C-alpha atoms as a PDB file:
ATOM      1  CA  MET A   1      -4.496  14.424   0.487  1.00  0.00           C
ATOM      2  CA  GLU A   2      -0.902  15.604   0.616  1.00  0.00           C
ATOM      3  CA  LEU A   3       1.793  12.966   0.423  1.00  0.00           C
ATOM      4  CA  SER A   4       4.719  13.301   2.778  1.00  0.00           C
ATOM      5  CA  LYS A   5       7.964  14.898   1.675  1.00  0.00           C
ATOM      6  CA  LYS A   6       9.725  11.614   2.513  1.00  0.00           C
ATOM      7  CA  THR A   7       7.467   9.635   0.173  1.00  0.00           C
ATOM      8  CA  LYS A   8       7.991  12.104  -2.673  1.00  0.00           C
ATOM      9  CA  GLU A   9      11.792  11.747  -2.362  1.00  0.00           C
ATOM     10  CA  TYR A  10      11.615   8.236  -3.823  1.00  0.00           C
ATOM     11  CA  TRP A  11       9.510   9.094  -6.845  1.00  0.00           C
ATOM     12  CA  GLU A  12      10.994  10.259 -10.150  1.00  0.00           C
ATOM     13  CA  ASP A  13       9.188  11.992 -13.020  1.00  0.00           C
ATOM     14  CA  ARG A  14       9.114   8.706 -14.928  1.00  0.00           C
ATOM     15  CA  ASP A  15       7.263   7.019 -12.063  1.00  0.00           C
ATOM     16  CA  TRP A  16       4.556   9.703 -11.927  1.00  0.00           C
ATOM     17  CA  LYS A  17       4.136   9.580 -15.729  1.00  0.00           C
ATOM     18  CA  ASP A  18       3.898   5.785 -15.765  1.00  0.00           C
ATOM     19  CA  LEU A  19       1.371   5.910 -12.940  1.00  0.00           C
ATOM     20  CA  GLU A  20      -0.976   7.934 -15.178  1.00  0.00           C
ATOM     21  CA  LYS A  21      -0.890   5.163 -17.821  1.00  0.00           C
ATOM     22  CA  VAL A  22      -1.550   2.040 -15.754  1.00  0.00           C
ATOM     23  CA  GLU A  23      -3.982  -0.533 -17.077  1.00  0.00           C
ATOM     24  CA  SER A  24      -3.587  -3.225 -14.407  1.00  0.00           C
ATOM     25  CA  ALA A  25      -2.391  -4.043 -10.919  1.00  0.00           C
ATOM     26  CA  ALA A  26       0.713  -5.580 -12.520  1.00  0.00           C
ATOM     27  CA  ASP A  27       1.507  -2.160 -14.047  1.00  0.00           C
ATOM     28  CA  LEU A  28       1.268  -0.667 -10.568  1.00  0.00           C
ATOM     29  CA  TYR A  29       3.644  -3.311  -9.238  1.00  0.00           C
ATOM     30  CA  ALA A  30       6.235  -2.478 -11.920  1.00  0.00           C
ATOM     31  CA  ILE A  31       6.316   1.094 -10.620  1.00  0.00           C
ATOM     32  CA  ALA A  32       6.364  -0.007  -6.961  1.00  0.00           C
ATOM     33  CA  GLU A  33       9.275  -2.328  -7.693  1.00  0.00           C
ATOM     34  CA  ARG A  34      11.316   0.632  -8.999  1.00  0.00           C
ATOM     35  CA  ILE A  35      10.403   2.765  -5.979  1.00  0.00           C
ATOM     36  CA  ILE A  36      11.289  -0.007  -3.522  1.00  0.00           C
ATOM     37  CA  ALA A  37      14.613  -0.670  -5.271  1.00  0.00           C
ATOM     38  CA  HIS A  38      16.007   2.720  -4.273  1.00  0.00           C
ATOM     39  CA  MET A  39      14.449   2.989  -0.819  1.00  0.00           C
ATOM     40  CA  GLU A  40      16.559   2.552   2.284  1.00  0.00           C
ATOM     41  CA  LYS A  41      15.923  -0.842   3.886  1.00  0.00           C
ATOM     42  CA  PRO A  42      14.463  -2.308   6.011  1.00  0.00           C
ATOM     43  CA  LEU A  43      11.013  -1.238   4.899  1.00  0.00           C
ATOM     44  CA  VAL A  44       7.732  -1.425   6.749  1.00  0.00           C
ATOM     45  CA  GLN A  45       4.210  -1.143   5.416  1.00  0.00           C
ATOM     46  CA  VAL A  46       0.999   0.125   6.969  1.00  0.00           C
ATOM     47  CA  CYS A  47      -2.068  -2.119   6.740  1.00  0.00           C
ATOM     48  CA  GLY A  48      -5.631  -1.104   7.422  1.00  0.00           C
ATOM     49  CA  PRO A  49      -9.020  -0.288   5.983  1.00  0.00           C
ATOM     50  CA  VAL A  50      -9.314   1.481   2.633  1.00  0.00           C
ATOM     51  CA  GLY A  51     -12.187   0.178   0.492  1.00  0.00           C
ATOM     52  CA  THR A  52     -13.992  -1.804   3.173  1.00  0.00           C
ATOM     53  CA  GLY A  53     -14.375  -1.238   6.893  1.00  0.00           C
ATOM     54  CA  GLY A  54     -12.756   1.476   8.949  1.00  0.00           C
ATOM     55  CA  LEU A  55     -14.571   4.794   8.876  1.00  0.00           C
ATOM     56  CA  GLY A  56     -16.956   3.675   6.126  1.00  0.00           C
ATOM     57  CA  SER A  57     -15.577   5.716   3.210  1.00  0.00           C
ATOM     58  CA  VAL A  58     -12.489   5.425   1.055  1.00  0.00           C
ATOM     59  CA  GLU A  59     -11.710   9.144   1.491  1.00  0.00           C
ATOM     60  CA  LYS A  60     -11.855   9.088   5.292  1.00  0.00           C
ATOM     61  CA  ASN A  61      -9.935   5.809   5.477  1.00  0.00           C
ATOM     62  CA  LEU A  62      -7.201   7.177   3.207  1.00  0.00           C
ATOM     63  CA  GLU A  63      -6.821  10.288   5.361  1.00  0.00           C
ATOM     64  CA  VAL A  64      -6.218   8.161   8.473  1.00  0.00           C
ATOM     65  CA  PHE A  65      -3.954   5.832   6.484  1.00  0.00           C
ATOM     66  CA  ASN A  66      -1.851   8.723   5.182  1.00  0.00           C
ATOM     67  CA  ASP A  67      -1.613  10.280   8.661  1.00  0.00           C
ATOM     68  CA  THR A  68      -0.420   6.935  10.050  1.00  0.00           C
ATOM     69  CA  ILE A  69       2.274   6.660   7.373  1.00  0.00           C
ATOM     70  CA  ILE A  70       3.486  10.199   8.119  1.00  0.00           C
ATOM     71  CA  GLN A  71       3.585   9.444  11.871  1.00  0.00           C
ATOM     72  CA  LEU A  72       5.680   6.317  11.310  1.00  0.00           C
ATOM     73  CA  GLN A  73       8.016   8.175   8.947  1.00  0.00           C
ATOM     74  CA  GLY A  74       8.394  10.740  11.722  1.00  0.00           C
ATOM     75  CA  LYS A  75       9.652   7.894  13.936  1.00  0.00           C
ATOM     76  CA  ARG A  76      12.396   7.250  11.366  1.00  0.00           C
ATOM     77  CA  LEU A  77      10.791   4.143   9.916  1.00  0.00           C
ATOM     78  CA  ASN A  78      11.241   3.566   6.189  1.00  0.00           C
ATOM     79  CA  VAL A  79       7.642   3.151   5.084  1.00  0.00           C
ATOM     80  CA  PHE A  80       6.691   1.822   1.673  1.00  0.00           C
ATOM     81  CA  ASP A  81       3.877   4.293   1.071  1.00  0.00           C
ATOM     82  CA  GLN A  82       1.114   2.848  -1.092  1.00  0.00           C
ATOM     83  CA  MET A  83      -0.880   6.100  -1.066  1.00  0.00           C
ATOM     84  CA  PRO A  84       0.434   7.287  -4.478  1.00  0.00           C
ATOM     85  CA  PHE A  85      -1.083   4.136  -6.005  1.00  0.00           C
ATOM     86  CA  GLU A  86      -4.530   4.507  -4.455  1.00  0.00           C
ATOM     87  CA  ASP A  87      -6.116   6.801  -7.067  1.00  0.00           C
ATOM     88  CA  GLN A  88      -5.217   4.388  -9.840  1.00  0.00           C
ATOM     89  CA  MET A  89      -6.426   1.417  -7.777  1.00  0.00           C
ATOM     90  CA  GLN A  90      -9.778   3.149  -7.359  1.00  0.00           C
ATOM     91  CA  ASN A  91      -9.857   3.957 -11.107  1.00  0.00           C
ATOM     92  CA  LEU A  92      -9.214   0.304 -11.972  1.00  0.00           C
ATOM     93  CA  LYS A  93     -12.096  -0.710  -9.689  1.00  0.00           C
ATOM     94  CA  LYS A  94     -14.406   1.666 -11.580  1.00  0.00           C
ATOM     95  CA  LYS A  95     -13.184   0.487 -14.979  1.00  0.00           C
ATOM     96  CA  PHE A  96     -13.346  -3.256 -14.377  1.00  0.00           C
ATOM     97  CA  SER A  97     -15.156  -5.718 -12.118  1.00  0.00           C
ATOM     98  CA  THR A  98     -14.450  -4.569  -8.562  1.00  0.00           C
ATOM     99  CA  GLU A  99     -14.058  -8.112  -7.223  1.00  0.00           C
ATOM    100  CA  LYS A 100     -11.590  -9.050  -9.987  1.00  0.00           C
ATOM    101  CA  VAL A 101      -9.590  -5.849  -9.497  1.00  0.00           C
ATOM    102  CA  VAL A 102      -9.428  -6.329  -5.720  1.00  0.00           C
ATOM    103  CA  ASN A 103      -8.040  -9.843  -6.243  1.00  0.00           C
ATOM    104  CA  ASP A 104      -5.605  -8.536  -8.876  1.00  0.00           C
ATOM    105  CA  ILE A 105      -4.409  -5.771  -6.539  1.00  0.00           C
ATOM    106  CA  LEU A 106      -3.828  -8.271  -3.747  1.00  0.00           C
ATOM    107  CA  ASN A 107      -2.163 -10.919  -5.928  1.00  0.00           C
ATOM    108  CA  ASP A 108      -0.422  -8.856  -8.638  1.00  0.00           C
ATOM    109  CA  PHE A 109       0.586  -5.770  -6.634  1.00  0.00           C
ATOM    110  CA  TYR A 110       0.870  -6.541  -2.924  1.00  0.00           C
ATOM    111  CA  LEU A 111       1.866 -10.219  -2.941  1.00  0.00           C
ATOM    112  CA  PRO A 112       4.966  -9.749  -5.141  1.00  0.00           C
ATOM    113  CA  ILE A 113       6.049  -6.890  -2.871  1.00  0.00           C
ATOM    114  CA  PHE A 114       5.624  -9.105   0.192  1.00  0.00           C
ATOM    115  CA  LYS A 115       7.401 -12.063  -1.419  1.00  0.00           C
ATOM    116  CA  SER A 116      10.317  -9.841  -2.472  1.00  0.00           C
ATOM    117  CA  GLY A 117      11.502  -9.727   1.129  1.00  0.00           C
ATOM    118  CA  ALA A 118      11.695  -5.921   1.039  1.00  0.00           C
ATOM    119  CA  ILE A 119       9.037  -5.484   3.749  1.00  0.00           C
ATOM    120  CA  SER A 120      10.324  -6.452   7.193  1.00  0.00           C
ATOM    121  CA  ALA A 121       7.200  -5.571   9.199  1.00  0.00           C
ATOM    122  CA  PHE A 122       3.540  -4.747   8.791  1.00  0.00           C
ATOM    123  CA  TYR A 123       2.033  -2.059  11.016  1.00  0.00           C
ATOM    124  CA  PHE A 124      -1.667  -2.759  11.425  1.00  0.00           C
ATOM    125  CA  MET A 125      -3.881   0.235  12.120  1.00  0.00           C
ATOM    126  CA  PRO A 126      -6.749   0.069  14.616  1.00  0.00           C
ATOM    127  CA  ASN A 127      -9.857  -1.525  13.074  1.00  0.00           C
ATOM    128  CA  TRP A 128      -7.748  -3.446  10.558  1.00  0.00           C
ATOM    129  CA  GLN A 129     -10.012  -6.472  11.120  1.00  0.00           C
ATOM    130  CA  THR A 130     -12.908  -4.614   9.456  1.00  0.00           C
ATOM    131  CA  SER A 131     -11.038  -4.632   6.144  1.00  0.00           C
ATOM    132  CA  PHE A 132     -11.053  -7.555   3.716  1.00  0.00           C
ATOM    133  CA  GLY A 133      -7.652  -6.519   2.325  1.00  0.00           C
ATOM    134  CA  ALA A 134      -6.038  -6.012   5.730  1.00  0.00           C
ATOM    135  CA  ARG A 135      -7.256  -9.428   6.891  1.00  0.00           C
ATOM    136  CA  TRP A 136      -5.697 -10.898   3.732  1.00  0.00           C
ATOM    137  CA  GLU A 137      -2.434  -9.019   4.459  1.00  0.00           C
ATOM    138  CA  HIS A 138      -2.457 -10.365   8.013  1.00  0.00           C
ATOM    139  CA  GLU A 139      -2.739 -13.942   6.735  1.00  0.00           C
ATOM    140  CA  GLU A 140       0.030 -13.367   4.175  1.00  0.00           C
ATOM    141  CA  ALA A 141       2.277 -11.873   6.856  1.00  0.00           C
ATOM    142  CA  LYS A 142       1.831 -15.020   8.954  1.00  0.00           C
ATOM    143  CA  LYS A 143       2.497 -17.299   5.951  1.00  0.00           C
ATOM    144  CA  LEU A 144       5.608 -15.363   4.919  1.00  0.00           C
ATOM    145  CA  GLY A 145       6.954 -14.808   8.418  1.00  0.00           C
ATOM    146  CA  ILE A 146       6.754 -11.009   8.217  1.00  0.00           C
ATOM    147  CA  LYS A 147       6.703  -9.287  11.598  1.00  0.00           C
ATOM    148  CA  ILE A 148       3.304  -7.936  12.673  1.00  0.00           C
ATOM    149  CA  VAL A 149       2.967  -4.780  14.805  1.00  0.00           C
ATOM    150  CA  TYR A 150      -0.421  -3.572  16.042  1.00  0.00           C
ATOM    151  CA  LEU A 151      -0.841   0.171  16.416  1.00  0.00           C
END
């Protein structure tokens, strides 16, 4: 899966190197925090199926996810692209208890990003309701007052 040119603009060599060494969702957040710090605001984020629901496989879901991000970037939206983090998220799931890692990713990676105020809107992909994580994001968006857009 090829990341968009726009996404790559925000990443520095240090970020890619640190990404290879992550041991936890909190490590992923530390990198995301740096990326977000030098992105043009306001930011939006895409929400939808990855590990559960959607098209039934992580690979197929990620393809649709990435295409959606690229389409929104093409509409001049500043998208926080979580795709560069996905390989390491999947590796953490293989290395540790999947349920624990999923909770860590939600609470130690995504939630601090949401609470930072950097994300002004969530764009929910079709079939988002089939995803445990996207349903969690939807609830957090409501709690935090983040705008919700359905694609």
